[in-house]
N, C-alpha and C. Protein backbone atom coordinates (compact mmCIF):
# COMPACT_ATOMS: atom_id res chain seq x y z
N ARG A 1 174.02 1.48 92.36
CA ARG A 1 172.99 1.64 92.12
C ARG A 1 172.20 2.04 91.03
N GLU A 2 172.47 1.25 90.07
CA GLU A 2 171.71 1.69 89.00
C GLU A 2 170.74 -0.35 88.83
N SER A 3 171.34 -0.79 89.51
CA SER A 3 170.28 -2.01 89.99
C SER A 3 169.71 -2.19 90.86
N ARG A 4 170.17 -1.69 91.68
CA ARG A 4 169.04 -1.22 92.88
C ARG A 4 167.62 -0.62 92.27
N SER A 5 167.79 0.25 91.40
CA SER A 5 167.00 1.64 90.82
C SER A 5 166.46 0.50 90.04
N PHE A 6 166.58 -0.40 89.05
CA PHE A 6 165.81 -1.21 88.21
C PHE A 6 165.19 -2.27 88.97
N CYS A 7 165.52 -3.17 89.86
CA CYS A 7 164.95 -3.86 91.23
C CYS A 7 163.38 -2.86 91.78
N GLN A 8 163.63 -1.27 92.28
CA GLN A 8 162.77 -1.04 92.89
C GLN A 8 161.59 -0.48 91.62
N ALA A 9 162.15 -0.68 90.34
CA ALA A 9 161.32 -0.35 89.98
C ALA A 9 160.58 -1.62 88.99
N TRP A 10 160.90 -2.17 89.40
CA TRP A 10 160.45 -3.46 88.98
C TRP A 10 159.58 -4.44 90.14
N TYR A 11 159.49 -4.02 90.83
CA TYR A 11 159.22 -4.20 92.48
C TYR A 11 157.77 -3.54 92.33
N VAL A 12 157.92 -1.89 92.31
CA VAL A 12 156.37 -0.75 92.21
C VAL A 12 155.52 -1.55 91.01
N PHE A 13 156.22 -1.67 89.65
CA PHE A 13 155.72 -2.49 88.58
C PHE A 13 154.34 -3.66 89.07
N CYS A 14 156.07 -4.25 89.73
CA CYS A 14 154.62 -5.88 89.75
C CYS A 14 153.80 -5.66 91.28
N TRP A 15 153.96 -4.05 91.84
CA TRP A 15 152.10 -4.41 92.78
C TRP A 15 151.95 -3.23 92.05
N ALA A 16 151.88 -3.03 91.02
CA ALA A 16 150.63 -1.88 90.33
C ALA A 16 150.13 -2.96 89.50
N LEU A 17 150.57 -4.45 88.49
CA LEU A 17 149.89 -5.49 88.69
C LEU A 17 149.36 -5.81 89.29
N LEU A 18 149.53 -5.91 90.55
CA LEU A 18 149.00 -7.13 91.28
C LEU A 18 147.57 -6.04 91.49
N ILE A 19 147.94 -4.75 92.07
CA ILE A 19 146.50 -3.90 92.51
C ILE A 19 145.29 -3.80 91.60
N SER A 20 145.99 -3.86 90.12
CA SER A 20 145.00 -3.34 88.72
C SER A 20 143.99 -4.75 89.01
N LEU A 21 145.11 -6.18 88.84
CA LEU A 21 144.55 -7.00 88.93
C LEU A 21 143.71 -7.36 90.26
N ALA A 22 143.25 -7.15 91.10
CA ALA A 22 142.80 -7.35 91.82
C ALA A 22 140.98 -6.07 91.68
N SER A 23 141.82 -4.77 91.03
CA SER A 23 140.52 -3.72 90.31
C SER A 23 139.64 -4.93 89.51
N GLN A 24 140.48 -5.10 89.06
CA GLN A 24 139.57 -5.51 87.98
C GLN A 24 138.47 -7.00 87.60
N CYS A 25 139.32 -8.00 89.29
CA CYS A 25 137.99 -8.90 89.29
C CYS A 25 137.02 -8.06 90.25
N ALA A 26 137.74 -7.90 91.31
CA ALA A 26 136.98 -6.17 91.41
C ALA A 26 135.42 -6.06 90.89
N ALA A 27 135.91 -5.24 89.72
CA ALA A 27 134.90 -4.85 88.62
C ALA A 27 134.09 -5.54 88.48
N GLY A 28 134.62 -6.93 87.78
CA GLY A 28 134.17 -8.11 87.09
C GLY A 28 132.69 -9.27 87.82
N VAL A 29 133.63 -9.06 89.44
CA VAL A 29 131.67 -8.91 90.81
C VAL A 29 131.06 -8.23 90.53
N ALA A 30 131.81 -6.71 90.47
CA ALA A 30 130.15 -5.78 90.82
C ALA A 30 129.56 -6.05 89.90
N LEU A 31 129.79 -5.46 88.65
CA LEU A 31 128.85 -5.89 87.28
C LEU A 31 127.75 -7.49 87.63
N SER A 32 128.42 -8.24 87.42
CA SER A 32 127.83 -9.02 87.81
C SER A 32 126.91 -9.57 88.64
N ARG A 33 127.22 -8.42 89.98
CA ARG A 33 125.98 -8.53 91.18
C ARG A 33 125.76 -6.99 90.25
N VAL A 34 125.45 -6.13 90.14
CA VAL A 34 124.47 -5.22 89.61
C VAL A 34 123.37 -5.98 88.89
N HIS A 35 123.82 -7.00 87.26
CA HIS A 35 123.01 -7.61 87.18
C HIS A 35 122.11 -8.79 87.91
N ALA A 36 122.95 -9.33 88.37
CA ALA A 36 121.68 -10.16 89.29
C ALA A 36 121.11 -9.13 90.29
N ARG A 37 121.13 -8.25 90.80
CA ARG A 37 120.01 -7.41 91.78
C ARG A 37 119.10 -7.07 90.26
N ALA A 38 119.58 -6.88 89.76
CA ALA A 38 118.76 -5.62 88.46
C ALA A 38 117.96 -7.55 88.11
N VAL A 39 117.70 -7.95 87.67
CA VAL A 39 117.37 -9.95 87.11
C VAL A 39 116.37 -10.07 88.82
N ASP A 40 116.48 -9.89 90.01
CA ASP A 40 115.86 -10.26 91.57
C ASP A 40 114.70 -8.98 90.97
N TYR A 41 115.18 -7.84 91.46
CA TYR A 41 114.44 -6.99 90.81
C TYR A 41 113.35 -6.66 89.76
N LEU A 42 113.96 -7.01 88.91
CA LEU A 42 112.82 -6.98 87.96
C LEU A 42 111.86 -8.30 87.65
N GLY A 43 112.88 -9.11 87.81
CA GLY A 43 112.64 -10.74 86.91
C GLY A 43 112.15 -10.59 85.91
N ASP A 44 113.56 -10.31 85.08
CA ASP A 44 113.92 -10.46 83.61
C ASP A 44 115.61 -9.98 83.32
N ARG A 45 115.72 -11.57 83.16
CA ARG A 45 117.16 -11.83 82.90
C ARG A 45 117.35 -11.23 81.71
N ARG A 46 116.80 -10.63 80.34
CA ARG A 46 117.31 -10.19 79.48
C ARG A 46 117.54 -9.02 79.59
N VAL A 47 117.27 -8.16 81.27
CA VAL A 47 117.29 -6.78 80.88
C VAL A 47 118.49 -5.84 80.66
N PHE A 48 119.90 -6.61 81.32
CA PHE A 48 120.86 -5.70 80.81
C PHE A 48 121.05 -5.78 79.14
N SER A 49 120.97 -7.21 78.80
CA SER A 49 120.74 -7.27 77.12
C SER A 49 120.45 -6.47 76.10
N ARG A 50 118.42 -6.47 76.28
CA ARG A 50 118.11 -4.82 76.08
C ARG A 50 118.62 -3.80 76.45
N VAL A 51 119.89 -3.53 77.09
CA VAL A 51 119.42 -2.24 77.74
C VAL A 51 121.44 -1.72 76.54
N VAL A 52 121.74 -2.84 76.55
CA VAL A 52 123.50 -2.45 76.14
C VAL A 52 123.95 -3.65 74.49
N GLY A 53 123.01 -4.16 74.93
CA GLY A 53 122.68 -5.74 73.35
C GLY A 53 123.61 -6.35 73.96
N GLY A 54 123.88 -6.97 72.73
CA GLY A 54 124.81 -8.22 73.50
C GLY A 54 126.38 -8.02 73.85
N SER A 55 126.53 -6.67 73.76
CA SER A 55 128.00 -6.91 75.05
C SER A 55 128.13 -7.12 75.96
N TRP A 56 127.10 -7.39 76.51
CA TRP A 56 126.93 -7.43 78.19
C TRP A 56 128.06 -9.18 78.37
N PRO A 57 127.46 -9.82 77.76
CA PRO A 57 128.69 -10.71 78.20
C PRO A 57 130.03 -11.15 78.29
N LEU A 58 130.29 -10.09 76.88
CA LEU A 58 131.60 -9.60 76.38
C LEU A 58 132.10 -8.75 77.37
N LEU A 59 131.29 -7.50 77.92
CA LEU A 59 131.97 -6.47 79.75
C LEU A 59 131.75 -7.44 80.11
N THR A 60 131.06 -8.39 80.73
CA THR A 60 132.28 -9.07 82.40
C THR A 60 132.95 -9.42 81.57
N GLY A 61 132.86 -10.67 80.40
CA GLY A 61 133.60 -11.88 80.64
C GLY A 61 135.23 -10.76 80.72
N GLY A 62 134.35 -9.77 79.29
CA GLY A 62 136.81 -9.06 79.12
C GLY A 62 136.86 -8.19 80.37
N THR A 63 136.24 -7.75 81.53
CA THR A 63 137.04 -7.46 82.62
C THR A 63 137.22 -8.49 83.68
N PHE A 64 136.72 -9.41 83.68
CA PHE A 64 137.54 -11.21 84.07
C PHE A 64 138.59 -11.22 83.46
N GLY A 65 138.94 -11.24 82.01
CA GLY A 65 139.62 -11.78 81.40
C GLY A 65 141.09 -10.49 81.34
N VAL A 66 140.71 -9.46 81.81
CA VAL A 66 142.16 -8.53 81.85
C VAL A 66 142.07 -8.79 83.07
N GLY A 67 141.29 -8.79 84.29
CA GLY A 67 142.28 -8.95 85.67
C GLY A 67 143.01 -10.57 85.54
N LEU A 68 142.56 -11.51 84.73
CA LEU A 68 143.16 -12.79 84.83
C LEU A 68 144.90 -12.74 84.29
N GLY A 69 144.56 -11.70 82.77
CA GLY A 69 145.92 -11.55 82.22
C GLY A 69 146.89 -10.83 82.62
N LEU A 70 146.55 -9.73 83.76
CA LEU A 70 147.30 -9.14 84.69
C LEU A 70 147.66 -10.32 85.31
N GLY A 71 146.59 -10.82 85.90
CA GLY A 71 147.50 -12.02 87.34
C GLY A 71 148.81 -12.54 86.77
N LEU A 72 148.28 -13.28 85.16
CA LEU A 72 149.51 -14.16 84.96
C LEU A 72 150.45 -12.83 84.01
N CYS A 73 150.64 -12.34 83.89
CA CYS A 73 151.89 -11.66 83.72
C CYS A 73 151.86 -11.03 84.80
N SER A 74 151.88 -10.52 86.31
CA SER A 74 152.27 -9.92 86.83
C SER A 74 153.61 -11.86 88.20
N ALA A 75 151.95 -13.02 87.75
CA ALA A 75 153.13 -13.93 87.75
C ALA A 75 154.15 -14.79 86.80
N LEU A 76 154.06 -13.95 85.67
CA LEU A 76 155.38 -14.19 85.10
C LEU A 76 156.73 -13.32 84.94
N ILE A 77 156.04 -11.99 85.35
CA ILE A 77 157.59 -11.59 85.87
C ILE A 77 158.05 -11.95 87.14
N VAL A 78 156.90 -12.38 88.46
CA VAL A 78 157.93 -13.15 89.77
C VAL A 78 158.30 -13.80 90.20
N PHE A 79 157.43 -15.12 88.51
CA PHE A 79 158.24 -16.37 89.31
C PHE A 79 159.29 -16.59 87.94
N ASP A 80 159.98 -15.47 87.70
CA ASP A 80 160.38 -15.69 85.70
C ASP A 80 161.71 -16.16 86.74
N ASP A 81 163.27 -17.22 85.78
CA ASP A 81 163.39 -17.97 86.42
C ASP A 81 164.63 -17.55 85.07
N PRO A 82 165.89 -16.41 85.60
CA PRO A 82 166.69 -15.69 84.76
C PRO A 82 168.05 -16.92 84.65
N GLY A 83 167.88 -17.60 85.42
CA GLY A 83 168.94 -18.51 84.92
C GLY A 83 168.60 -19.73 83.99
């Protein structure tokens, strides 16, 4: 009974990681699309850099990086070889 509960907890944890991975990647794509649309509308590539400073590439890259890190973490759990 205890091992079944443990397996079920890992299963839920893996799904939570995969959903977080998809959400983080979607957020990164959304941020980059907002930037692209603002550039198209205003004609200024540095429009977001002036508003949020130099942290705009860090924000977008960090969002993608967290998504990739979550994917790596879930892959390490799913494809773990205990033997």
